[in-house]
Amino acid sequence: MDNGDQGESETGRVMQEQEPLGASGDGGGGEDTDLDAVLSRVVQFNSGKFTFLPALRAVLDGKRITRAEWGNEELYVVLHEGILRVKMHDGLLHDLILRDVDLYANDWRVL
């Protein structure tokens, strides 16, 4: 019984020693740096394909993004007049309507 209690206390101690994801330890000044570190790990993991959050950051930096699922680089998302818009086959920009599948997809690419 004591061995089981000892194992639980060690596990509890390990859990307490780990910082939560995004914790900077400096009282609130480094959140952006920590988020960037997390996003860079996501980008490296997906080998050039992104989840939506890093792709959104690219759009906010003025880049165009697309999804591999769309199968056509002529379909892409841009930020136009403060709104996410998608350039469609007709050559016009339409408001982007994100679906759950788009938000959770990991096939976003920067053009």
Protein backbone atom coordinates (compact mmCIF):
# COMPACT_ATOMS: atom_id res chain seq x y z
CA MET A 1 0.00 0.00 0.00
CA ASP A 2 2.85 2.39 0.82
CA ASN A 3 4.52 1.70 -2.54
CA GLY A 4 1.33 2.70 -4.37
CA ASP A 5 1.06 5.89 -2.35
CA GLN A 6 4.70 6.69 -3.02
CA GLY A 7 4.19 6.24 -6.79
CA GLU A 8 1.18 8.53 -6.75
CA SER A 9 3.08 11.23 -4.89
CA GLU A 10 5.96 11.02 -7.37
CA THR A 11 3.50 11.34 -10.24
CA GLY A 12 1.88 14.29 -8.53
CA ARG A 13 5.25 15.92 -8.02
CA VAL A 14 6.16 15.46 -11.70
CA MET A 15 2.83 16.92 -12.77
CA GLN A 16 3.33 19.95 -10.51
CA GLU A 17 6.85 20.58 -11.82
CA GLN A 18 5.74 20.80 -15.47
CA GLU A 19 4.75 24.24 -16.73
CA PRO A 20 1.46 24.46 -18.59
CA LEU A 21 1.64 24.98 -22.34
CA GLY A 22 2.21 28.66 -23.04
CA ALA A 23 3.43 29.52 -19.53
CA SER A 24 6.29 31.95 -19.74
CA GLY A 25 7.24 32.16 -16.09
CA ASP A 26 7.92 35.89 -16.40
CA GLY A 27 4.61 37.17 -15.14
CA GLY A 28 2.91 37.65 -18.48
CA GLY A 29 5.45 39.24 -20.80
CA GLY A 30 6.32 36.25 -22.98
CA GLU A 31 3.02 34.80 -24.11
CA ASP A 32 3.57 35.69 -27.79
CA THR A 33 7.02 34.10 -27.77
CA ASP A 34 5.63 30.90 -26.29
CA LEU A 35 2.78 30.81 -28.80
CA ASP A 36 5.25 31.30 -31.64
CA ALA A 37 7.32 28.41 -30.29
CA VAL A 38 4.26 26.16 -30.19
CA LEU A 39 3.25 27.21 -33.70
CA SER A 40 6.72 26.55 -35.06
CA ARG A 41 6.59 23.02 -33.62
CA VAL A 42 3.21 22.52 -35.33
CA VAL A 43 4.64 23.74 -38.62
CA GLN A 44 7.68 21.46 -38.37
CA PHE A 45 5.47 18.49 -37.50
CA ASN A 46 3.27 18.96 -40.55
CA SER A 47 6.20 19.21 -43.00
CA GLY A 48 5.20 22.40 -44.79
CA LYS A 49 1.49 21.96 -44.25
CA PHE A 50 -0.14 23.97 -41.51
CA THR A 51 -3.05 23.81 -39.16
CA PHE A 52 -5.39 26.78 -39.43
CA LEU A 53 -3.82 28.99 -36.75
CA PRO A 54 -0.35 29.24 -38.37
CA ALA A 55 -2.03 29.64 -41.76
CA LEU A 56 -4.12 32.49 -40.37
CA ARG A 57 -0.94 34.15 -39.11
CA ALA A 58 0.47 33.95 -42.64
CA VAL A 59 -2.66 35.64 -44.03
CA LEU A 60 -2.34 38.38 -41.42
CA ASP A 61 1.24 38.88 -42.68
CA GLY A 62 -0.12 39.48 -46.20
CA LYS A 63 0.36 36.01 -47.67
CA ARG A 64 -2.15 33.84 -49.53
CA ILE A 65 -3.14 30.41 -48.20
CA THR A 66 -4.92 27.41 -49.67
CA ARG A 67 -5.86 23.89 -48.67
CA ALA A 68 -4.52 20.76 -50.34
CA GLU A 69 -8.06 19.35 -50.21
CA TRP A 70 -9.22 22.09 -52.58
CA GLY A 71 -6.83 20.69 -55.20
CA ASN A 72 -6.37 24.03 -56.95
CA GLU A 73 -3.90 26.80 -56.11
CA GLU A 74 -6.16 29.27 -57.94
CA LEU A 75 -8.48 28.98 -54.93
CA TYR A 76 -6.87 30.86 -52.10
CA VAL A 77 -7.63 32.91 -48.99
CA VAL A 78 -6.51 36.51 -48.49
CA LEU A 79 -7.26 39.28 -46.05
CA HIS A 80 -9.17 41.95 -47.96
CA GLU A 81 -10.52 45.06 -46.23
CA GLY A 82 -10.16 43.33 -42.87
CA ILE A 83 -12.20 40.27 -43.90
CA LEU A 84 -10.99 36.79 -44.79
CA ARG A 85 -11.97 36.23 -48.41
CA VAL A 86 -11.48 33.37 -50.82
CA LYS A 87 -10.73 33.90 -54.50
CA MET A 88 -12.98 31.49 -56.35
CA HIS A 89 -13.06 30.06 -59.89
CA ASP A 90 -15.04 33.09 -61.08
CA GLY A 91 -12.07 35.34 -60.22
CA LEU A 92 -14.05 37.21 -57.55
CA LEU A 93 -13.37 37.45 -53.85
CA HIS A 94 -16.08 35.94 -51.66
CA ASP A 95 -16.36 36.02 -47.87
CA LEU A 96 -14.73 32.92 -46.45
CA ILE A 97 -17.10 30.69 -44.52
CA LEU A 98 -15.05 28.38 -42.34
CA ARG A 99 -16.40 24.96 -41.47
CA ASP A 100 -15.25 22.83 -38.56
CA VAL A 101 -13.34 20.63 -40.99
CA ASP A 102 -11.38 23.70 -42.19
CA LEU A 103 -10.50 24.75 -38.66
CA TYR A 104 -9.20 21.30 -37.73
CA ALA A 105 -7.51 20.53 -41.05
CA ASN A 106 -3.73 20.26 -41.19
CA ASP A 107 -3.36 20.68 -44.96
CA TRP A 108 -3.25 24.50 -45.15
CA ARG A 109 -0.37 25.79 -47.29
CA VAL A 110 1.14 29.22 -47.89
CA LEU A 111 1.40 30.19 -51.56
